[in-house]
Amino acid sequence: MFTIEHEFDATVVTLVDDPATHRQEDVTITAFEDCVTIEQFDPRADAVQKITLSLSQVTDLTAALNLPEGVYSLKRDV
């Protein structure tokens, strides 16, 4: 299950791991104009862990999900 919310300065997607046998904490992905953040609560540290990706990194990740193993460089429009 997931939710999508459009806020003033970002789009927020929350992924809920509901069908899993060993359920993980929800993941929140927030897309801003210049970056994307991924957050998940870590119960061992009792804190939210946060990763920030540039839009270039998001583009690379999207491409990587559909490619076989290897090393790639995407052609960028300038």
PDB file of N, CA and C in Angstrom:
ATOM      1  N   MET A   1       0.848  -1.170   0.000  1.00  0.00           N
ATOM      2  CA  MET A   1       0.000   0.000   0.000  1.00  0.00           C
ATOM      3  C   MET A   1       0.894   1.233   0.000  1.00  0.00           C
ATOM      4  N   PHE A   2       0.420   2.313  -0.597  1.00  0.00           N
ATOM      5  CA  PHE A   2       1.152   3.571  -0.553  1.00  0.00           C
ATOM      6  C   PHE A   2       0.175   4.736  -0.586  1.00  0.00           C
ATOM      7  N   THR A   3       0.669   5.883  -0.138  1.00  0.00           N
ATOM      8  CA  THR A   3      -0.125   7.108  -0.201  1.00  0.00           C
ATOM      9  C   THR A   3       0.659   8.157  -0.960  1.00  0.00           C
ATOM     10  N   ILE A   4      -0.057   9.106  -1.572  1.00  0.00           N
ATOM     11  CA  ILE A   4       0.553  10.237  -2.267  1.00  0.00           C
ATOM     12  C   ILE A   4      -0.122  11.508  -1.763  1.00  0.00           C
ATOM     13  N   GLU A   5       0.688  12.475  -1.353  1.00  0.00           N
ATOM     14  CA  GLU A   5       0.172  13.762  -0.896  1.00  0.00           C
ATOM     15  C   GLU A   5       0.926  14.874  -1.606  1.00  0.00           C
ATOM     16  N   HIS A   6       0.207  15.863  -2.107  1.00  0.00           N
ATOM     17  CA  HIS A   6       0.828  17.018  -2.737  1.00  0.00           C
ATOM     18  C   HIS A   6       0.796  18.167  -1.740  1.00  0.00           C
ATOM     19  N   GLU A   7       1.977  18.583  -1.308  1.00  0.00           N
ATOM     20  CA  GLU A   7       2.100  19.696  -0.378  1.00  0.00           C
ATOM     21  C   GLU A   7       2.536  20.939  -1.136  1.00  0.00           C
ATOM     22  N   PHE A   8       2.690  22.042  -0.420  1.00  0.00           N
ATOM     23  CA  PHE A   8       3.043  23.313  -1.046  1.00  0.00           C
ATOM     24  C   PHE A   8       4.324  23.232  -1.865  1.00  0.00           C
ATOM     25  N   ASP A   9       5.374  22.637  -1.296  1.00  0.00           N
ATOM     26  CA  ASP A   9       6.681  22.633  -1.954  1.00  0.00           C
ATOM     27  C   ASP A   9       7.198  21.245  -2.314  1.00  0.00           C
ATOM     28  N   ALA A  10       6.364  20.201  -2.155  1.00  0.00           N
ATOM     29  CA  ALA A  10       6.855  18.852  -2.417  1.00  0.00           C
ATOM     30  C   ALA A  10       5.701  17.870  -2.620  1.00  0.00           C
ATOM     31  N   THR A  11       6.043  16.745  -3.226  1.00  0.00           N
ATOM     32  CA  THR A  11       5.135  15.608  -3.306  1.00  0.00           C
ATOM     33  C   THR A  11       5.683  14.545  -2.366  1.00  0.00           C
ATOM     34  N   VAL A  12       4.810  13.986  -1.518  1.00  0.00           N
ATOM     35  CA  VAL A  12       5.235  13.018  -0.515  1.00  0.00           C
ATOM     36  C   VAL A  12       4.562  11.677  -0.798  1.00  0.00           C
ATOM     37  N   VAL A  13       5.385  10.634  -0.963  1.00  0.00           N
ATOM     38  CA  VAL A  13       4.899   9.277  -1.159  1.00  0.00           C
ATOM     39  C   VAL A  13       5.327   8.463   0.056  1.00  0.00           C
ATOM     40  N   THR A  14       4.378   7.757   0.666  1.00  0.00           N
ATOM     41  CA  THR A  14       4.693   6.887   1.800  1.00  0.00           C
ATOM     42  C   THR A  14       4.403   5.448   1.386  1.00  0.00           C
ATOM     43  N   LEU A  15       5.416   4.593   1.537  1.00  0.00           N
ATOM     44  CA  LEU A  15       5.288   3.173   1.205  1.00  0.00           C
ATOM     45  C   LEU A  15       5.086   2.381   2.489  1.00  0.00           C
ATOM     46  N   VAL A  16       4.001   1.600   2.545  1.00  0.00           N
ATOM     47  CA  VAL A  16       3.685   0.790   3.711  1.00  0.00           C
ATOM     48  C   VAL A  16       3.962  -0.663   3.353  1.00  0.00           C
ATOM     49  N   ASP A  17       4.765  -1.340   4.168  1.00  0.00           N
ATOM     50  CA  ASP A  17       5.179  -2.719   3.905  1.00  0.00           C
ATOM     51  C   ASP A  17       4.149  -3.691   4.486  1.00  0.00           C
ATOM     52  N   ASP A  18       2.886  -3.582   4.056  1.00  0.00           N
ATOM     53  CA  ASP A  18       1.827  -4.350   4.699  1.00  0.00           C
ATOM     54  C   ASP A  18       1.784  -5.846   4.401  1.00  0.00           C
ATOM     55  N   PRO A  19       2.209  -6.362   3.230  1.00  0.00           N
ATOM     56  CA  PRO A  19       2.092  -7.804   3.034  1.00  0.00           C
ATOM     57  C   PRO A  19       3.276  -8.617   3.562  1.00  0.00           C
ATOM     58  N   ALA A  20       4.301  -7.974   4.093  1.00  0.00           N
ATOM     59  CA  ALA A  20       5.521  -8.678   4.486  1.00  0.00           C
ATOM     60  C   ALA A  20       5.333  -9.484   5.768  1.00  0.00           C
ATOM     61  N   THR A  21       6.009 -10.627   5.842  1.00  0.00           N
ATOM     62  CA  THR A  21       5.972 -11.460   7.050  1.00  0.00           C
ATOM     63  C   THR A  21       6.686 -10.750   8.198  1.00  0.00           C
ATOM     64  N   HIS A  22       7.861 -10.202   7.895  1.00  0.00           N
ATOM     65  CA  HIS A  22       8.621  -9.413   8.874  1.00  0.00           C
ATOM     66  C   HIS A  22       8.545  -7.965   8.415  1.00  0.00           C
ATOM     67  N   ARG A  23       7.502  -7.309   8.798  1.00  0.00           N
ATOM     68  CA  ARG A  23       7.188  -5.972   8.307  1.00  0.00           C
ATOM     69  C   ARG A  23       8.277  -4.966   8.660  1.00  0.00           C
ATOM     70  N   GLN A  24       8.674  -4.184   7.651  1.00  0.00           N
ATOM     71  CA  GLN A  24       9.634  -3.093   7.834  1.00  0.00           C
ATOM     72  C   GLN A  24       8.867  -1.811   8.144  1.00  0.00           C
ATOM     73  N   GLU A  25       9.578  -0.828   8.677  1.00  0.00           N
ATOM     74  CA  GLU A  25       8.971   0.478   8.940  1.00  0.00           C
ATOM     75  C   GLU A  25       8.590   1.145   7.619  1.00  0.00           C
ATOM     76  N   ASP A  26       7.593   2.037   7.667  1.00  0.00           N
ATOM     77  CA  ASP A  26       7.176   2.771   6.478  1.00  0.00           C
ATOM     78  C   ASP A  26       8.345   3.579   5.921  1.00  0.00           C
ATOM     79  N   VAL A  27       8.354   3.769   4.605  1.00  0.00           N
ATOM     80  CA  VAL A  27       9.355   4.592   3.928  1.00  0.00           C
ATOM     81  C   VAL A  27       8.644   5.813   3.380  1.00  0.00           C
ATOM     82  N   THR A  28       9.194   6.998   3.657  1.00  0.00           N
ATOM     83  CA  THR A  28       8.617   8.242   3.141  1.00  0.00           C
ATOM     84  C   THR A  28       9.583   8.857   2.135  1.00  0.00           C
ATOM     85  N   ILE A  29       9.078   9.091   0.917  1.00  0.00           N
ATOM     86  CA  ILE A  29       9.868   9.688  -0.160  1.00  0.00           C
ATOM     87  C   ILE A  29       9.277  11.057  -0.444  1.00  0.00           C
ATOM     88  N   THR A  30      10.114  12.086  -0.325  1.00  0.00           N
ATOM     89  CA  THR A  30       9.644  13.449  -0.541  1.00  0.00           C
ATOM     90  C   THR A  30      10.392  14.039  -1.727  1.00  0.00           C
ATOM     91  N   ALA A  31       9.643  14.423  -2.766  1.00  0.00           N
ATOM     92  CA  ALA A  31      10.233  14.984  -3.981  1.00  0.00           C
ATOM     93  C   ALA A  31      10.103  16.502  -3.958  1.00  0.00           C
ATOM     94  N   PHE A  32      11.238  17.173  -3.847  1.00  0.00           N
ATOM     95  CA  PHE A  32      11.298  18.631  -3.895  1.00  0.00           C
ATOM     96  C   PHE A  32      11.703  19.060  -5.305  1.00  0.00           C
ATOM     97  N   GLU A  33      11.800  20.342  -5.531  1.00  0.00           N
ATOM     98  CA  GLU A  33      12.186  20.877  -6.839  1.00  0.00           C
ATOM     99  C   GLU A  33      13.609  20.482  -7.215  1.00  0.00           C
ATOM    100  N   ASP A  34      14.512  20.383  -6.220  1.00  0.00           N
ATOM    101  CA  ASP A  34      15.930  20.160  -6.521  1.00  0.00           C
ATOM    102  C   ASP A  34      16.524  18.870  -5.952  1.00  0.00           C
ATOM    103  N   CYS A  35      15.740  18.093  -5.203  1.00  0.00           N
ATOM    104  CA  CYS A  35      16.251  16.852  -4.628  1.00  0.00           C
ATOM    105  C   CYS A  35      15.096  15.952  -4.190  1.00  0.00           C
ATOM    106  N   VAL A  36      15.445  14.740  -3.793  1.00  0.00           N
ATOM    107  CA  VAL A  36      14.476  13.780  -3.266  1.00  0.00           C
ATOM    108  C   VAL A  36      15.049  13.233  -1.961  1.00  0.00           C
ATOM    109  N   THR A  37      14.226  13.197  -0.915  1.00  0.00           N
ATOM    110  CA  THR A  37      14.674  12.612   0.340  1.00  0.00           C
ATOM    111  C   THR A  37      13.922  11.309   0.589  1.00  0.00           C
ATOM    112  N   ILE A  38      14.618  10.361   1.219  1.00  0.00           N
ATOM    113  CA  ILE A  38      14.036   9.074   1.587  1.00  0.00           C
ATOM    114  C   ILE A  38      14.257   8.922   3.083  1.00  0.00           C
ATOM    115  N   GLU A  39      13.178   8.679   3.829  1.00  0.00           N
ATOM    116  CA  GLU A  39      13.270   8.571   5.280  1.00  0.00           C
ATOM    117  C   GLU A  39      12.622   7.281   5.765  1.00  0.00           C
ATOM    118  N   GLN A  40      13.229   6.680   6.794  1.00  0.00           N
ATOM    119  CA  GLN A  40      12.661   5.501   7.421  1.00  0.00           C
ATOM    120  C   GLN A  40      13.079   5.487   8.889  1.00  0.00           C
ATOM    121  N   PHE A  41      12.129   5.178   9.756  1.00  0.00           N
ATOM    122  CA  PHE A  41      12.424   5.076  11.184  1.00  0.00           C
ATOM    123  C   PHE A  41      13.263   3.839  11.441  1.00  0.00           C
ATOM    124  N   ASP A  42      14.342   3.993  12.206  1.00  0.00           N
ATOM    125  CA  ASP A  42      15.207   2.879  12.590  1.00  0.00           C
ATOM    126  C   ASP A  42      14.971   2.606  14.072  1.00  0.00           C
ATOM    127  N   PRO A  43      14.238   1.526  14.397  1.00  0.00           N
ATOM    128  CA  PRO A  43      13.934   1.258  15.808  1.00  0.00           C
ATOM    129  C   PRO A  43      15.169   0.941  16.646  1.00  0.00           C
ATOM    130  N   ARG A  44      16.240   0.418  16.032  1.00  0.00           N
ATOM    131  CA  ARG A  44      17.460   0.118  16.791  1.00  0.00           C
ATOM    132  C   ARG A  44      18.124   1.402  17.283  1.00  0.00           C
ATOM    133  N   ALA A  45      18.086   2.445  16.446  1.00  0.00           N
ATOM    134  CA  ALA A  45      18.691   3.729  16.824  1.00  0.00           C
ATOM    135  C   ALA A  45      17.660   4.677  17.428  1.00  0.00           C
ATOM    136  N   ASP A  46      16.380   4.289  17.369  1.00  0.00           N
ATOM    137  CA  ASP A  46      15.275   5.124  17.837  1.00  0.00           C
ATOM    138  C   ASP A  46      15.327   6.506  17.185  1.00  0.00           C
ATOM    139  N   ALA A  47      15.594   6.503  15.865  1.00  0.00           N
ATOM    140  CA  ALA A  47      15.700   7.758  15.118  1.00  0.00           C
ATOM    141  C   ALA A  47      15.315   7.524  13.653  1.00  0.00           C
ATOM    142  N   VAL A  48      14.951   8.597  12.992  1.00  0.00           N
ATOM    143  CA  VAL A  48      14.648   8.533  11.569  1.00  0.00           C
ATOM    144  C   VAL A  48      15.949   8.678  10.789  1.00  0.00           C
ATOM    145  N   GLN A  49      16.196   7.752   9.871  1.00  0.00           N
ATOM    146  CA  GLN A  49      17.365   7.813   8.993  1.00  0.00           C
ATOM    147  C   GLN A  49      16.928   8.498   7.698  1.00  0.00           C
ATOM    148  N   LYS A  50      17.767   9.401   7.186  1.00  0.00           N
ATOM    149  CA  LYS A  50      17.398  10.186   6.008  1.00  0.00           C
ATOM    150  C   LYS A  50      18.511  10.144   4.974  1.00  0.00           C
ATOM    151  N   ILE A  51      18.118   9.946   3.714  1.00  0.00           N
ATOM    152  CA  ILE A  51      19.038   9.976   2.573  1.00  0.00           C
ATOM    153  C   ILE A  51      18.528  11.044   1.619  1.00  0.00           C
ATOM    154  N   THR A  52      19.435  11.867   1.094  1.00  0.00           N
ATOM    155  CA  THR A  52      19.060  12.886   0.109  1.00  0.00           C
ATOM    156  C   THR A  52      19.729  12.559  -1.218  1.00  0.00           C
ATOM    157  N   LEU A  53      18.922  12.496  -2.277  1.00  0.00           N
ATOM    158  CA  LEU A  53      19.421  12.232  -3.625  1.00  0.00           C
ATOM    159  C   LEU A  53      19.226  13.463  -4.495  1.00  0.00           C
ATOM    160  N   SER A  54      20.222  13.763  -5.333  1.00  0.00           N
ATOM    161  CA  SER A  54      20.042  14.825  -6.321  1.00  0.00           C
ATOM    162  C   SER A  54      19.107  14.292  -7.407  1.00  0.00           C
ATOM    163  N   LEU A  55      18.567  15.173  -8.224  1.00  0.00           N
ATOM    164  CA  LEU A  55      17.701  14.731  -9.307  1.00  0.00           C
ATOM    165  C   LEU A  55      18.466  13.869 -10.301  1.00  0.00           C
ATOM    166  N   SER A  56      19.755  14.126 -10.473  1.00  0.00           N
ATOM    167  CA  SER A  56      20.597  13.308 -11.336  1.00  0.00           C
ATOM    168  C   SER A  56      20.702  11.888 -10.788  1.00  0.00           C
ATOM    169  N   GLN A  57      20.856  11.748  -9.491  1.00  0.00           N
ATOM    170  CA  GLN A  57      20.931  10.426  -8.871  1.00  0.00           C
ATOM    171  C   GLN A  57      19.598   9.680  -9.015  1.00  0.00           C
ATOM    172  N   VAL A  58      18.484  10.390  -8.905  1.00  0.00           N
ATOM    173  CA  VAL A  58      17.167   9.768  -9.085  1.00  0.00           C
ATOM    174  C   VAL A  58      17.022   9.260 -10.516  1.00  0.00           C
ATOM    175  N   THR A  59      17.478  10.051 -11.488  1.00  0.00           N
ATOM    176  CA  THR A  59      17.433   9.631 -12.890  1.00  0.00           C
ATOM    177  C   THR A  59      18.270   8.371 -13.095  1.00  0.00           C
ATOM    178  N   ASP A  60      19.477   8.345 -12.514  1.00  0.00           N
ATOM    179  CA  ASP A  60      20.335   7.170 -12.621  1.00  0.00           C
ATOM    180  C   ASP A  60      19.685   5.948 -11.963  1.00  0.00           C
ATOM    181  N   LEU A  61      19.082   6.131 -10.810  1.00  0.00           N
ATOM    182  CA  LEU A  61      18.419   5.029 -10.114  1.00  0.00           C
ATOM    183  C   LEU A  61      17.265   4.480 -10.946  1.00  0.00           C
ATOM    184  N   THR A  62      16.465   5.354 -11.526  1.00  0.00           N
ATOM    185  CA  THR A  62      15.352   4.930 -12.368  1.00  0.00           C
ATOM    186  C   THR A  62      15.849   4.086 -13.532  1.00  0.00           C
ATOM    187  N   ALA A  63      16.922   4.528 -14.178  1.00  0.00           N
ATOM    188  CA  ALA A  63      17.498   3.773 -15.298  1.00  0.00           C
ATOM    189  C   ALA A  63      18.064   2.446 -14.818  1.00  0.00           C
ATOM    190  N   ALA A  64      18.728   2.456 -13.662  1.00  0.00           N
ATOM    191  CA  ALA A  64      19.377   1.252 -13.150  1.00  0.00           C
ATOM    192  C   ALA A  64      18.380   0.138 -12.837  1.00  0.00           C
ATOM    193  N   LEU A  65      17.184   0.492 -12.459  1.00  0.00           N
ATOM    194  CA  LEU A  65      16.182  -0.519 -12.120  1.00  0.00           C
ATOM    195  C   LEU A  65      15.760  -1.347 -13.330  1.00  0.00           C
ATOM    196  N   ASN A  66      16.047  -0.853 -14.530  1.00  0.00           N
ATOM    197  CA  ASN A  66      15.635  -1.542 -15.748  1.00  0.00           C
ATOM    198  C   ASN A  66      16.803  -2.051 -16.596  1.00  0.00           C
ATOM    199  N   LEU A  67      18.010  -2.081 -16.039  1.00  0.00           N
ATOM    200  CA  LEU A  67      19.190  -2.503 -16.800  1.00  0.00           C
ATOM    201  C   LEU A  67      19.832  -3.735 -16.173  1.00  0.00           C
ATOM    202  N   PRO A  68      20.544  -4.525 -16.969  1.00  0.00           N
ATOM    203  CA  PRO A  68      21.271  -5.668 -16.410  1.00  0.00           C
ATOM    204  C   PRO A  68      22.529  -5.194 -15.666  1.00  0.00           C
ATOM    205  N   GLU A  69      23.185  -6.114 -14.993  1.00  0.00           N
ATOM    206  CA  GLU A  69      24.399  -5.811 -14.252  1.00  0.00           C
ATOM    207  C   GLU A  69      25.443  -5.179 -15.166  1.00  0.00           C
ATOM    208  N   GLY A  70      26.163  -4.174 -14.665  1.00  0.00           N
ATOM    209  CA  GLY A  70      27.194  -3.516 -15.452  1.00  0.00           C
ATOM    210  C   GLY A  70      27.476  -2.119 -14.943  1.00  0.00           C
ATOM    211  N   VAL A  71      28.331  -1.394 -15.663  1.00  0.00           N
ATOM    212  CA  VAL A  71      28.668  -0.009 -15.338  1.00  0.00           C
ATOM    213  C   VAL A  71      28.143   0.855 -16.469  1.00  0.00           C
ATOM    214  N   TYR A  72      27.447   1.924 -16.113  1.00  0.00           N
ATOM    215  CA  TYR A  72      26.774   2.763 -17.113  1.00  0.00           C
ATOM    216  C   TYR A  72      27.026   4.241 -16.839  1.00  0.00           C
ATOM    217  N   SER A  73      26.922   5.031 -17.884  1.00  0.00           N
ATOM    218  CA  SER A  73      26.943   6.489 -17.767  1.00  0.00           C
ATOM    219  C   SER A  73      25.833   7.009 -18.652  1.00  0.00           C
ATOM    220  N   LEU A  74      24.902   7.739 -18.062  1.00  0.00           N
ATOM    221  CA  LEU A  74      23.785   8.274 -18.826  1.00  0.00           C
ATOM    222  C   LEU A  74      24.183   9.540 -19.546  1.00  0.00           C
ATOM    223  N   LYS A  75      23.723   9.706 -20.755  1.00  0.00           N
ATOM    224  CA  LYS A  75      23.945  10.918 -21.520  1.00  0.00           C
ATOM    225  C   LYS A  75      23.003  11.985 -20.980  1.00  0.00           C
ATOM    226  N   ARG A  76      23.543  13.130 -20.607  1.00  0.00           N
ATOM    227  CA  ARG A  76      22.742  14.200 -20.000  1.00  0.00           C
ATOM    228  C   ARG A  76      22.532  15.331 -21.000  1.00  0.00           C
ATOM    229  N   ASP A  77      21.324  15.880 -21.019  1.00  0.00           N
ATOM    230  CA  ASP A  77      21.040  17.075 -21.824  1.00  0.00           C
ATOM    231  C   ASP A  77      21.564  18.282 -21.086  1.00  0.00           C
ATOM    232  N   VAL A  78      22.269  19.132 -21.782  1.00  0.00           N
ATOM    233  CA  VAL A  78      22.842  20.318 -21.130  1.00  0.00           C
ATOM    234  C   VAL A  78      22.088  21.547 -21.524  1.00  0.00           C
TER     235      VAL A  78
END
